[in-house]
N, C-alpha and C. Protein backbone atom coordinates (compact mmCIF):
# COMPACT_ATOMS: atom_id res chain seq x y z
N MET A 1 107.74 56.96 63.47
CA MET A 1 107.06 57.17 62.18
C MET A 1 107.81 58.19 61.32
N VAL A 2 108.15 59.35 61.93
CA VAL A 2 108.86 60.40 61.19
C VAL A 2 110.23 59.92 60.76
N LEU A 3 110.92 59.18 61.68
CA LEU A 3 112.25 58.68 61.36
C LEU A 3 112.21 57.70 60.19
N GLU A 4 111.23 56.81 60.18
CA GLU A 4 111.09 55.86 59.08
C GLU A 4 110.80 56.57 57.76
N MET A 5 109.98 57.62 57.83
CA MET A 5 109.67 58.40 56.64
C MET A 5 110.93 59.08 56.09
N LEU A 6 111.74 59.63 57.01
CA LEU A 6 112.98 60.28 56.59
C LEU A 6 113.94 59.28 55.96
N LYS A 7 113.99 58.08 56.52
CA LYS A 7 114.85 57.04 55.96
C LYS A 7 114.41 56.68 54.54
N LYS A 8 113.11 56.58 54.31
CA LYS A 8 112.61 56.26 52.98
C LYS A 8 112.93 57.37 51.99
N VAL A 9 112.74 58.62 52.43
CA VAL A 9 113.05 59.75 51.56
C VAL A 9 114.53 59.77 51.22
N ASN A 10 115.38 59.49 52.21
CA ASN A 10 116.82 59.46 51.98
C ASN A 10 117.20 58.37 50.98
N ARG A 11 116.55 57.20 51.11
CA ARG A 11 116.84 56.11 50.16
C ARG A 11 116.43 56.50 48.75
N ILE A 12 115.32 57.21 48.62
CA ILE A 12 114.87 57.65 47.30
C ILE A 12 115.86 58.63 46.70
N PHE A 13 116.30 59.61 47.49
CA PHE A 13 117.25 60.60 46.98
C PHE A 13 118.59 59.94 46.63
N THR A 14 119.01 58.97 47.44
CA THR A 14 120.26 58.25 47.16
C THR A 14 120.16 57.48 45.85
N TYR A 15 119.02 56.84 45.64
CA TYR A 15 118.80 56.08 44.41
C TYR A 15 118.78 57.01 43.20
N LEU A 16 118.08 58.14 43.31
CA LEU A 16 118.00 59.08 42.20
C LEU A 16 119.37 59.68 41.87
N ALA A 17 120.17 59.95 42.92
CA ALA A 17 121.52 60.49 42.69
C ALA A 17 122.37 59.46 41.96
N PHE A 18 122.24 58.19 42.34
CA PHE A 18 122.99 57.14 41.67
C PHE A 18 122.58 57.02 40.20
N LYS A 19 121.27 57.01 39.94
CA LYS A 19 120.78 56.87 38.56
C LYS A 19 121.25 58.05 37.71
N LYS A 20 121.24 59.25 38.29
CA LYS A 20 121.71 60.42 37.56
C LYS A 20 123.20 60.30 37.24
N ASP A 21 123.97 59.79 38.20
CA ASP A 21 125.41 59.61 38.00
C ASP A 21 125.67 58.61 36.88
N ARG A 22 124.96 57.50 36.85
CA ARG A 22 125.17 56.49 35.81
C ARG A 22 124.71 56.98 34.45
N MET A 23 123.63 57.78 34.41
CA MET A 23 123.18 58.35 33.14
C MET A 23 124.23 59.31 32.59
N ARG A 24 124.83 60.08 33.48
CA ARG A 24 125.89 61.00 33.05
C ARG A 24 127.08 60.22 32.49
N LEU A 25 127.46 59.12 33.14
CA LEU A 25 128.57 58.31 32.66
C LEU A 25 128.26 57.70 31.30
N ARG A 26 127.05 57.18 31.14
CA ARG A 26 126.68 56.62 29.84
C ARG A 26 126.68 57.70 28.76
N GLY A 27 126.26 58.91 29.12
CA GLY A 27 126.28 60.01 28.16
C GLY A 27 127.70 60.34 27.71
N LEU A 28 128.64 60.34 28.64
CA LEU A 28 130.04 60.60 28.30
C LEU A 28 130.60 59.51 27.40
N MET A 29 130.20 58.26 27.66
CA MET A 29 130.65 57.15 26.81
C MET A 29 130.09 57.29 25.40
N LYS A 30 128.86 57.73 25.28
CA LYS A 30 128.28 57.95 23.96
C LYS A 30 129.02 59.06 23.21
N ARG A 31 129.60 59.99 23.97
CA ARG A 31 130.32 61.11 23.36
C ARG A 31 131.81 60.84 23.19
N GLY A 32 132.22 59.59 23.36
CA GLY A 32 133.58 59.22 23.01
C GLY A 32 134.48 58.77 24.14
N LEU A 33 134.03 58.88 25.40
CA LEU A 33 134.82 58.34 26.50
C LEU A 33 135.00 56.84 26.30
N LYS A 34 136.27 56.36 26.33
CA LYS A 34 136.54 54.94 26.14
C LYS A 34 136.67 54.25 27.49
N VAL A 35 135.86 53.23 27.71
CA VAL A 35 135.91 52.46 28.95
C VAL A 35 136.01 50.99 28.59
N GLY A 36 137.04 50.32 29.11
CA GLY A 36 137.26 48.91 28.79
C GLY A 36 136.33 47.98 29.55
N LYS A 37 136.73 46.71 29.63
CA LYS A 37 135.92 45.69 30.30
C LYS A 37 136.28 45.61 31.78
N ASN A 38 135.28 45.24 32.57
CA ASN A 38 135.48 45.02 34.00
C ASN A 38 136.09 46.22 34.69
N VAL A 39 135.58 47.40 34.38
CA VAL A 39 136.08 48.65 34.95
C VAL A 39 135.16 49.08 36.10
N TYR A 40 135.76 49.47 37.21
CA TYR A 40 135.01 49.92 38.38
C TYR A 40 135.12 51.44 38.47
N ILE A 41 134.02 52.13 38.31
CA ILE A 41 133.99 53.59 38.39
C ILE A 41 132.99 53.98 39.47
N PHE A 42 133.50 54.48 40.60
CA PHE A 42 132.63 54.78 41.72
C PHE A 42 131.79 56.02 41.41
N GLN A 43 130.84 56.30 42.30
CA GLN A 43 129.95 57.44 42.09
C GLN A 43 130.70 58.75 42.25
N ASP A 44 130.24 59.77 41.53
CA ASP A 44 130.76 61.14 41.61
C ASP A 44 132.17 61.29 41.06
N VAL A 45 132.58 60.38 40.17
CA VAL A 45 133.82 60.59 39.42
C VAL A 45 133.55 61.68 38.38
N GLU A 46 134.36 62.72 38.38
CA GLU A 46 134.15 63.86 37.48
C GLU A 46 135.08 63.72 36.28
N ILE A 47 134.49 63.40 35.13
CA ILE A 47 135.25 63.21 33.89
C ILE A 47 134.97 64.40 32.98
N ASP A 48 136.01 64.98 32.45
CA ASP A 48 135.93 66.20 31.64
C ASP A 48 134.77 66.12 30.64
N SER A 49 133.69 66.87 30.92
CA SER A 49 132.49 66.79 30.08
C SER A 49 132.67 67.51 28.75
N GLY A 50 133.67 68.39 28.67
CA GLY A 50 133.89 69.10 27.41
C GLY A 50 134.63 68.25 26.39
N TYR A 51 135.50 67.34 26.87
CA TYR A 51 136.35 66.58 25.96
C TYR A 51 136.45 65.11 26.40
N PRO A 52 135.31 64.43 26.57
CA PRO A 52 135.38 63.03 27.03
C PRO A 52 136.06 62.13 26.02
N TYR A 53 136.05 62.50 24.74
CA TYR A 53 136.64 61.67 23.69
C TYR A 53 138.17 61.66 23.74
N LEU A 54 138.76 62.47 24.62
CA LEU A 54 140.21 62.47 24.79
C LEU A 54 140.65 61.59 25.98
N ILE A 55 139.69 60.90 26.59
CA ILE A 55 139.98 60.14 27.81
C ILE A 55 139.72 58.65 27.57
N GLU A 56 140.65 57.83 28.05
CA GLU A 56 140.56 56.38 27.87
C GLU A 56 140.83 55.70 29.21
N ILE A 57 139.96 54.76 29.58
CA ILE A 57 140.14 53.96 30.79
C ILE A 57 140.17 52.49 30.37
N GLY A 58 141.29 51.81 30.61
CA GLY A 58 141.48 50.45 30.11
C GLY A 58 140.81 49.38 30.93
N ASP A 59 140.94 48.16 30.48
CA ASP A 59 140.33 47.01 31.15
C ASP A 59 140.81 46.89 32.59
N ASN A 60 139.92 46.43 33.45
CA ASN A 60 140.25 46.06 34.84
C ASN A 60 140.80 47.20 35.68
N CYS A 61 140.45 48.43 35.34
CA CYS A 61 140.87 49.58 36.16
C CYS A 61 139.83 49.84 37.25
N ARG A 62 140.29 50.51 38.31
CA ARG A 62 139.39 50.91 39.39
C ARG A 62 139.60 52.41 39.64
N ILE A 63 138.49 53.15 39.60
CA ILE A 63 138.52 54.59 39.79
C ILE A 63 137.69 54.94 41.02
N GLY A 64 138.32 55.55 42.03
CA GLY A 64 137.66 55.81 43.30
C GLY A 64 136.71 57.01 43.25
N LYS A 65 135.97 57.17 44.32
CA LYS A 65 134.98 58.23 44.46
C LYS A 65 135.64 59.61 44.36
N ASP A 66 134.95 60.53 43.69
CA ASP A 66 135.35 61.95 43.60
C ASP A 66 136.67 62.17 42.87
N VAL A 67 137.11 61.20 42.08
CA VAL A 67 138.28 61.42 41.23
C VAL A 67 137.91 62.44 40.15
N LEU A 68 138.86 63.31 39.81
CA LEU A 68 138.67 64.31 38.74
C LEU A 68 139.65 64.02 37.63
N ILE A 69 139.13 63.82 36.42
CA ILE A 69 139.97 63.54 35.25
C ILE A 69 139.76 64.65 34.23
N LEU A 70 140.81 65.41 33.95
CA LEU A 70 140.72 66.56 33.06
C LEU A 70 141.53 66.35 31.78
N ALA A 71 140.92 66.72 30.65
CA ALA A 71 141.64 66.67 29.37
C ALA A 71 141.88 68.07 28.82
N HIS A 72 141.52 69.10 29.59
CA HIS A 72 141.79 70.47 29.15
C HIS A 72 142.34 71.29 30.31
N ASP A 73 143.12 72.31 29.98
CA ASP A 73 143.73 73.20 30.97
C ASP A 73 143.59 74.63 30.46
N ALA A 74 142.77 75.42 31.16
CA ALA A 74 142.48 76.79 30.72
C ALA A 74 143.34 77.83 31.45
N THR A 75 144.44 77.39 32.08
CA THR A 75 145.29 78.31 32.83
C THR A 75 145.73 79.51 32.00
N THR A 76 146.07 79.28 30.74
CA THR A 76 146.63 80.34 29.88
C THR A 76 145.57 81.09 29.09
N PHE A 77 144.31 80.74 29.27
CA PHE A 77 143.28 81.33 28.40
C PHE A 77 143.22 82.85 28.56
N LYS A 78 143.29 83.34 29.77
CA LYS A 78 143.14 84.79 30.00
C LYS A 78 144.24 85.58 29.29
N ASP A 79 145.48 85.07 29.30
CA ASP A 79 146.60 85.82 28.74
C ASP A 79 146.93 85.46 27.29
N LEU A 80 146.60 84.24 26.88
CA LEU A 80 146.94 83.81 25.53
C LEU A 80 145.72 83.59 24.64
N GLY A 81 144.55 83.46 25.26
CA GLY A 81 143.34 83.23 24.49
C GLY A 81 143.23 81.81 23.98
N ILE A 82 144.01 80.89 24.53
CA ILE A 82 143.96 79.49 24.10
C ILE A 82 143.90 78.58 25.32
N THR A 83 143.30 77.41 25.13
CA THR A 83 143.20 76.38 26.16
C THR A 83 143.92 75.13 25.68
N ARG A 84 144.75 74.57 26.56
CA ARG A 84 145.53 73.39 26.18
C ARG A 84 144.67 72.14 26.29
N LEU A 85 144.74 71.28 25.27
CA LEU A 85 144.05 69.99 25.25
C LEU A 85 145.07 68.87 25.13
N ALA A 86 144.84 67.76 25.84
CA ALA A 86 145.74 66.62 25.72
C ALA A 86 145.00 65.36 26.17
N ARG A 87 145.41 64.23 25.63
CA ARG A 87 144.77 62.97 25.97
C ARG A 87 145.12 62.54 27.41
N VAL A 88 144.22 61.78 28.01
CA VAL A 88 144.48 61.12 29.29
C VAL A 88 144.21 59.63 29.08
N ARG A 89 145.20 58.80 29.48
CA ARG A 89 145.05 57.36 29.32
C ARG A 89 145.34 56.67 30.65
N ILE A 90 144.36 55.96 31.15
CA ILE A 90 144.53 55.15 32.35
C ILE A 90 144.51 53.70 31.88
N LEU A 91 145.67 53.08 31.87
CA LEU A 91 145.84 51.81 31.17
C LEU A 91 145.52 50.60 32.05
N GLU A 92 145.43 49.47 31.42
CA GLU A 92 144.94 48.21 31.98
C GLU A 92 145.46 47.93 33.39
N GLY A 93 144.51 47.59 34.29
CA GLY A 93 144.85 47.14 35.61
C GLY A 93 145.28 48.22 36.58
N SER A 94 145.10 49.49 36.25
CA SER A 94 145.56 50.56 37.13
C SER A 94 144.48 50.94 38.15
N PHE A 95 144.93 51.53 39.26
CA PHE A 95 144.06 51.93 40.36
C PHE A 95 144.25 53.42 40.64
N VAL A 96 143.15 54.16 40.71
CA VAL A 96 143.20 55.59 41.03
C VAL A 96 142.36 55.81 42.28
N GLY A 97 143.02 56.26 43.36
CA GLY A 97 142.36 56.40 44.65
C GLY A 97 141.45 57.59 44.75
N GLN A 98 140.64 57.59 45.79
CA GLN A 98 139.61 58.60 46.02
C GLN A 98 140.18 60.02 46.02
N ARG A 99 139.48 60.91 45.33
CA ARG A 99 139.77 62.34 45.26
C ARG A 99 141.11 62.67 44.59
N ALA A 100 141.67 61.73 43.85
CA ALA A 100 142.85 62.05 43.05
C ALA A 100 142.44 62.95 41.89
N ILE A 101 143.39 63.76 41.41
CA ILE A 101 143.17 64.64 40.26
C ILE A 101 144.15 64.24 39.17
N ILE A 102 143.63 63.93 37.99
CA ILE A 102 144.44 63.54 36.85
C ILE A 102 144.41 64.67 35.83
N LEU A 103 145.56 65.25 35.52
CA LEU A 103 145.63 66.41 34.65
C LEU A 103 145.89 66.02 33.20
N PRO A 104 145.65 66.94 32.24
CA PRO A 104 145.79 66.62 30.81
C PRO A 104 147.18 66.14 30.44
N GLY A 105 147.22 65.21 29.48
CA GLY A 105 148.48 64.72 28.96
C GLY A 105 149.08 63.57 29.73
N VAL A 106 148.40 63.09 30.75
CA VAL A 106 148.94 62.05 31.63
C VAL A 106 148.55 60.66 31.12
N THR A 107 149.52 59.75 31.17
CA THR A 107 149.26 58.32 30.97
C THR A 107 149.61 57.60 32.25
N ILE A 108 148.71 56.75 32.72
CA ILE A 108 148.93 56.01 33.96
C ILE A 108 148.95 54.52 33.64
N GLY A 109 150.04 53.87 34.00
CA GLY A 109 150.12 52.42 33.86
C GLY A 109 150.70 51.94 32.56
N PRO A 110 150.43 50.66 32.27
CA PRO A 110 149.47 49.77 32.92
C PRO A 110 149.91 49.30 34.31
N ARG A 111 148.94 48.79 35.07
CA ARG A 111 149.14 48.23 36.41
C ARG A 111 149.90 49.19 37.31
N ALA A 112 149.43 50.44 37.34
CA ALA A 112 150.01 51.45 38.21
C ALA A 112 148.98 51.84 39.27
N MET A 113 149.45 52.55 40.30
CA MET A 113 148.56 52.95 41.39
C MET A 113 148.76 54.42 41.71
N VAL A 114 147.65 55.16 41.85
CA VAL A 114 147.66 56.55 42.28
C VAL A 114 146.99 56.62 43.64
N ALA A 115 147.71 57.07 44.64
CA ALA A 115 147.16 57.11 46.00
C ALA A 115 146.06 58.16 46.11
N ALA A 116 145.17 57.98 47.06
CA ALA A 116 144.06 58.89 47.28
C ALA A 116 144.57 60.31 47.51
N GLY A 117 143.88 61.29 46.90
CA GLY A 117 144.21 62.70 47.11
C GLY A 117 145.39 63.21 46.31
N SER A 118 145.99 62.38 45.48
CA SER A 118 147.16 62.81 44.70
C SER A 118 146.75 63.71 43.53
N VAL A 119 147.69 64.57 43.14
CA VAL A 119 147.52 65.39 41.94
C VAL A 119 148.56 64.94 40.92
N VAL A 120 148.10 64.31 39.84
CA VAL A 120 148.99 63.70 38.88
C VAL A 120 149.19 64.62 37.69
N ASN A 121 150.37 65.22 37.58
CA ASN A 121 150.65 66.15 36.49
C ASN A 121 151.70 65.61 35.52
N ARG A 122 152.15 64.39 35.74
CA ARG A 122 153.06 63.74 34.80
C ARG A 122 152.73 62.26 34.75
N SER A 123 153.14 61.61 33.67
CA SER A 123 152.77 60.21 33.46
C SER A 123 153.37 59.30 34.53
N VAL A 124 152.63 58.23 34.82
CA VAL A 124 153.05 57.24 35.82
C VAL A 124 153.47 55.98 35.07
N PRO A 125 154.73 55.56 35.18
CA PRO A 125 155.20 54.39 34.42
C PRO A 125 154.50 53.10 34.83
N GLU A 126 154.64 52.11 34.01
CA GLU A 126 154.05 50.79 34.28
C GLU A 126 154.49 50.27 35.65
N GLY A 127 153.50 49.82 36.42
CA GLY A 127 153.80 49.17 37.68
C GLY A 127 154.19 50.05 38.84
N ARG A 128 154.23 51.38 38.65
CA ARG A 128 154.65 52.27 39.72
C ARG A 128 153.47 52.70 40.59
N ALA A 129 153.78 53.09 41.82
CA ALA A 129 152.79 53.67 42.72
C ALA A 129 153.23 55.09 43.05
N VAL A 130 152.31 56.05 42.95
CA VAL A 130 152.65 57.45 43.19
C VAL A 130 151.71 58.04 44.23
N ALA A 131 152.18 59.11 44.89
CA ALA A 131 151.37 59.78 45.90
C ALA A 131 151.84 61.22 46.02
N GLY A 132 150.94 62.10 46.51
CA GLY A 132 151.33 63.47 46.83
C GLY A 132 150.83 64.49 45.84
N ASN A 133 151.17 65.74 46.12
CA ASN A 133 150.82 66.88 45.26
C ASN A 133 152.06 67.75 45.08
N PRO A 134 152.70 67.66 43.89
CA PRO A 134 152.38 66.75 42.78
C PRO A 134 152.78 65.31 43.09
N ALA A 135 152.11 64.35 42.44
CA ALA A 135 152.35 62.93 42.71
C ALA A 135 153.75 62.53 42.26
N ARG A 136 154.43 61.77 43.12
CA ARG A 136 155.76 61.27 42.82
C ARG A 136 155.84 59.79 43.20
N PRO A 137 156.67 59.00 42.49
CA PRO A 137 156.79 57.57 42.79
C PRO A 137 157.34 57.35 44.20
N TYR A 138 156.83 56.34 44.90
CA TYR A 138 157.38 55.98 46.20
C TYR A 138 157.57 54.48 46.36
N THR A 139 156.98 53.68 45.51
CA THR A 139 157.21 52.24 45.53
C THR A 139 156.64 51.68 44.22
N THR A 140 156.53 50.36 44.15
CA THR A 140 155.87 49.74 42.99
C THR A 140 154.54 49.14 43.42
N TYR A 141 153.66 49.01 42.47
CA TYR A 141 152.36 48.40 42.75
C TYR A 141 152.56 46.95 43.21
N ALA A 142 153.53 46.26 42.59
CA ALA A 142 153.78 44.86 42.96
C ALA A 142 154.21 44.74 44.41
N GLU A 143 155.03 45.69 44.90
CA GLU A 143 155.46 45.65 46.29
C GLU A 143 154.29 45.86 47.25
N ILE A 144 153.37 46.75 46.87
CA ILE A 144 152.18 46.97 47.70
C ILE A 144 151.33 45.71 47.75
N ILE A 145 151.14 45.07 46.60
CA ILE A 145 150.35 43.85 46.53
C ILE A 145 150.97 42.76 47.40
N GLU A 146 152.29 42.60 47.31
CA GLU A 146 152.96 41.56 48.09
C GLU A 146 152.87 41.85 49.58
N ARG A 147 153.05 43.10 49.98
CA ARG A 147 153.00 43.45 51.39
C ARG A 147 151.60 43.25 51.97
N VAL A 148 150.59 43.76 51.27
CA VAL A 148 149.22 43.63 51.76
C VAL A 148 148.78 42.17 51.72
N GLY A 149 149.12 41.48 50.65
CA GLY A 149 148.74 40.08 50.55
C GLY A 149 149.36 39.21 51.63
N SER A 150 150.58 39.56 52.06
CA SER A 150 151.25 38.76 53.08
C SER A 150 150.60 38.95 54.45
N GLU A 151 149.81 40.02 54.61
CA GLU A 151 149.11 40.27 55.86
C GLU A 151 147.78 39.52 55.96
N ALA A 152 147.33 38.97 54.83
CA ALA A 152 146.03 38.28 54.78
C ALA A 152 146.21 36.81 55.14
N THR A 153 145.46 36.34 56.10
CA THR A 153 145.50 34.95 56.53
C THR A 153 144.08 34.40 56.58
N ASP A 154 143.97 33.09 56.77
CA ASP A 154 142.64 32.49 56.88
C ASP A 154 141.86 33.07 58.05
N GLU A 155 142.57 33.55 59.07
CA GLU A 155 141.91 34.04 60.28
C GLU A 155 141.34 35.45 60.13
N ASN A 156 141.91 36.26 59.25
CA ASN A 156 141.45 37.65 59.17
C ASN A 156 140.83 38.00 57.82
N ILE A 157 140.41 36.98 57.07
CA ILE A 157 139.72 37.21 55.79
C ILE A 157 138.25 36.83 55.93
N PHE A 158 137.38 37.72 55.47
CA PHE A 158 135.94 37.46 55.45
C PHE A 158 135.49 37.30 54.01
N ASP A 159 134.43 36.53 53.83
CA ASP A 159 133.80 36.38 52.51
C ASP A 159 132.64 37.35 52.42
N PHE A 160 132.62 38.17 51.37
CA PHE A 160 131.54 39.15 51.24
C PHE A 160 130.17 38.50 51.17
N ALA A 161 130.12 37.25 50.70
CA ALA A 161 128.84 36.56 50.63
C ALA A 161 128.20 36.42 52.01
N ASN A 162 129.05 36.26 53.03
CA ASN A 162 128.52 36.13 54.39
C ASN A 162 127.98 37.47 54.92
N ILE A 163 128.56 38.57 54.45
CA ILE A 163 128.02 39.88 54.80
C ILE A 163 126.65 40.06 54.16
N GLU A 164 126.54 39.69 52.89
CA GLU A 164 125.27 39.81 52.18
C GLU A 164 124.18 38.95 52.83
N LYS A 165 124.55 37.77 53.28
CA LYS A 165 123.57 36.85 53.89
C LYS A 165 123.20 37.26 55.32
N GLY A 166 123.99 38.15 55.91
CA GLY A 166 123.72 38.58 57.27
C GLY A 166 124.32 37.69 58.33
N SER A 167 125.09 36.66 57.91
CA SER A 167 125.69 35.75 58.89
C SER A 167 126.98 36.31 59.48
N LEU A 168 127.50 37.39 58.88
CA LEU A 168 128.70 38.05 59.39
C LEU A 168 128.30 39.45 59.84
N THR A 169 128.36 39.71 61.13
CA THR A 169 127.89 40.96 61.69
C THR A 169 129.01 41.99 61.80
N PRO A 170 128.64 43.28 61.88
CA PRO A 170 129.67 44.31 62.09
C PRO A 170 130.49 44.07 63.36
N ASN A 171 129.86 43.58 64.40
CA ASN A 171 130.60 43.31 65.64
C ASN A 171 131.64 42.22 65.45
N ALA A 172 131.31 41.21 64.63
CA ALA A 172 132.28 40.15 64.37
C ALA A 172 133.48 40.68 63.60
N ILE A 173 133.22 41.58 62.65
CA ILE A 173 134.32 42.17 61.88
C ILE A 173 135.19 43.03 62.79
N LYS A 174 134.57 43.85 63.65
CA LYS A 174 135.33 44.70 64.55
C LYS A 174 136.16 43.86 65.53
N GLU A 175 135.57 42.76 66.01
CA GLU A 175 136.30 41.90 66.95
C GLU A 175 137.54 41.30 66.30
N ARG A 176 137.40 40.88 65.03
CA ARG A 176 138.54 40.29 64.32
C ARG A 176 139.63 41.34 64.06
N ILE A 177 139.22 42.57 63.73
CA ILE A 177 140.20 43.64 63.52
C ILE A 177 140.92 43.95 64.84
N ASP A 178 140.17 43.99 65.93
CA ASP A 178 140.81 44.24 67.23
C ASP A 178 141.81 43.15 67.57
N ARG A 179 141.52 41.91 67.16
CA ARG A 179 142.40 40.80 67.49
C ARG A 179 143.66 40.78 66.63
N TYR A 180 143.48 41.04 65.31
CA TYR A 180 144.61 40.91 64.39
C TYR A 180 145.17 42.24 63.89
N GLY A 181 144.50 43.34 64.24
CA GLY A 181 144.97 44.65 63.81
C GLY A 181 144.50 45.05 62.43
N ILE A 182 144.07 44.08 61.64
CA ILE A 182 143.63 44.35 60.27
C ILE A 182 142.78 43.18 59.81
N ALA A 183 141.88 43.43 58.87
CA ALA A 183 141.07 42.36 58.29
C ALA A 183 140.84 42.64 56.82
N PHE A 184 140.36 41.64 56.10
CA PHE A 184 140.17 41.76 54.66
C PHE A 184 138.83 41.13 54.28
N VAL A 185 138.26 41.61 53.19
CA VAL A 185 137.05 41.02 52.62
C VAL A 185 137.39 40.52 51.23
N LYS A 186 137.08 39.27 50.95
CA LYS A 186 137.37 38.74 49.62
C LYS A 186 136.12 38.70 48.76
N THR A 187 136.35 38.69 47.48
CA THR A 187 135.38 38.72 46.38
C THR A 187 134.54 40.00 46.45
N VAL A 188 133.43 40.04 45.75
CA VAL A 188 132.65 41.28 45.58
C VAL A 188 131.17 40.98 45.79
N PRO A 189 130.35 42.02 45.96
CA PRO A 189 128.91 41.78 46.11
C PRO A 189 128.30 41.07 44.90
N THR A 190 127.16 40.46 45.11
CA THR A 190 126.48 39.78 44.00
C THR A 190 126.17 40.76 42.87
N ASN A 191 125.76 41.97 43.26
CA ASN A 191 125.45 42.98 42.25
C ASN A 191 126.07 44.30 42.69
N ASP A 192 127.20 44.63 42.09
CA ASP A 192 127.85 45.91 42.41
C ASP A 192 127.59 46.88 41.26
N PRO A 193 126.78 47.92 41.48
CA PRO A 193 126.34 48.78 40.37
C PRO A 193 127.42 49.69 39.81
N PHE A 194 128.60 49.71 40.44
CA PHE A 194 129.63 50.63 39.97
C PHE A 194 130.57 49.99 38.94
N TYR A 195 130.38 48.72 38.64
CA TYR A 195 131.13 48.10 37.56
C TYR A 195 130.52 48.46 36.20
N VAL A 196 131.39 48.65 35.22
CA VAL A 196 130.97 49.00 33.87
C VAL A 196 131.48 47.94 32.90
N ASN A 197 130.62 47.53 31.95
CA ASN A 197 131.01 46.54 30.95
C ASN A 197 131.54 45.26 31.62
N THR A 198 130.76 44.73 32.59
CA THR A 198 131.27 43.70 33.46
C THR A 198 130.34 42.50 33.58
N ASN A 199 130.92 41.31 33.62
CA ASN A 199 130.22 40.07 33.98
C ASN A 199 130.55 39.80 35.45
N MET A 200 129.60 39.97 36.37
CA MET A 200 129.88 39.88 37.79
C MET A 200 130.30 38.47 38.20
N ASP A 201 129.74 37.43 37.58
CA ASP A 201 130.16 36.07 37.90
C ASP A 201 131.63 35.88 37.57
N GLU A 202 132.04 36.46 36.44
CA GLU A 202 133.45 36.36 36.04
C GLU A 202 134.35 37.11 37.02
N ILE A 203 133.88 38.30 37.47
CA ILE A 203 134.66 39.08 38.42
C ILE A 203 134.88 38.28 39.71
N ARG A 204 133.82 37.66 40.20
CA ARG A 204 133.94 36.88 41.45
C ARG A 204 134.87 35.69 41.28
N ARG A 205 134.76 34.98 40.16
CA ARG A 205 135.64 33.83 39.91
C ARG A 205 137.09 34.28 39.83
N ASN A 206 137.33 35.36 39.09
CA ASN A 206 138.69 35.85 38.93
C ASN A 206 139.28 36.30 40.26
N ALA A 207 138.46 36.95 41.10
CA ALA A 207 138.95 37.42 42.39
C ALA A 207 139.37 36.24 43.26
N GLU A 208 138.55 35.20 43.28
CA GLU A 208 138.87 34.01 44.07
C GLU A 208 140.13 33.32 43.54
N ASP A 209 140.20 33.17 42.21
CA ASP A 209 141.38 32.51 41.61
C ASP A 209 142.64 33.32 41.84
N THR A 210 142.53 34.65 41.71
CA THR A 210 143.71 35.50 41.90
C THR A 210 144.24 35.40 43.31
N TYR A 211 143.33 35.41 44.29
CA TYR A 211 143.76 35.32 45.67
C TYR A 211 144.41 33.96 45.95
N ASN A 212 143.80 32.88 45.47
CA ASN A 212 144.36 31.55 45.71
C ASN A 212 145.73 31.39 45.08
N MET A 213 145.90 31.92 43.86
CA MET A 213 147.20 31.84 43.19
C MET A 213 148.26 32.64 43.95
N PHE A 214 147.88 33.81 44.45
CA PHE A 214 148.83 34.63 45.18
C PHE A 214 149.27 33.94 46.47
N LYS A 215 148.31 33.37 47.21
CA LYS A 215 148.66 32.70 48.46
C LYS A 215 149.53 31.47 48.21
N MET A 216 149.28 30.76 47.12
CA MET A 216 150.13 29.61 46.79
C MET A 216 151.56 30.07 46.49
N LYS A 217 151.69 31.17 45.76
CA LYS A 217 153.02 31.70 45.43
C LYS A 217 153.72 32.17 46.70
N LEU A 218 152.99 32.82 47.59
CA LEU A 218 153.57 33.31 48.82
C LEU A 218 154.00 32.14 49.71
N TYR A 219 153.17 31.10 49.79
CA TYR A 219 153.50 29.93 50.58
C TYR A 219 154.76 29.25 50.05
N SER A 220 154.83 29.13 48.73
CA SER A 220 156.01 28.51 48.10
C SER A 220 157.27 29.33 48.38
N LYS A 221 157.15 30.64 48.34
CA LYS A 221 158.28 31.52 48.60
C LYS A 221 158.77 31.36 50.03
N ASN A 222 157.81 31.29 50.99
CA ASN A 222 158.19 31.13 52.40
C ASN A 222 158.83 29.78 52.65
N GLU A 223 158.34 28.74 51.96
CA GLU A 223 158.92 27.42 52.11
C GLU A 223 160.36 27.38 51.62
N ASN A 224 160.62 28.05 50.51
CA ASN A 224 161.98 28.07 49.95
C ASN A 224 162.95 28.88 50.81
N ASN A 225 162.40 29.85 51.55
CA ASN A 225 163.25 30.65 52.42
C ASN A 225 163.55 29.91 53.73
């Protein structure tokens, strides 16, 4: 009885925290934060509340949990009495991993990747992947996509719809990972609350089409080799 009560209380607090997070995001957008279409912004992303109008997130970007995006730098305030302001632009199709820090004046992308935990103090060119503190290029986003995509097969891919329906159990997923070393989930939940300005049916269709097109290209490449 007590355990069930605690679970209900926890669900309530989780729901309230989520609603507060989304209200804060909508408030920043009303104050000038630019967010494109089909953008995924996870919970607890910290966007500079003093200067949201200096920050732009383009279409089809994904921003991980606990990312910090700053448009101001007060390092010199104590000695100079001034704070530096600069725009931040995360351009179309870019990915920013969990707990990354994006500093003022940075442009990322388009179609660039910032690894989790990175500190980005300079712009990331189109298509590049960066990591570290400070973040530095180590490969291209296209190379990561090709490598990860080549590891996905019919045997180690799950459909998220089966997880939602309960026909795919955690034990089945663990068993497949143990067998193949890695597994993948395709498409997205029916209702993912972290998408902004998004048509979820369109997201699911695009995800399926994108995967099928990639596998066809990979198959054709292997055949030619």
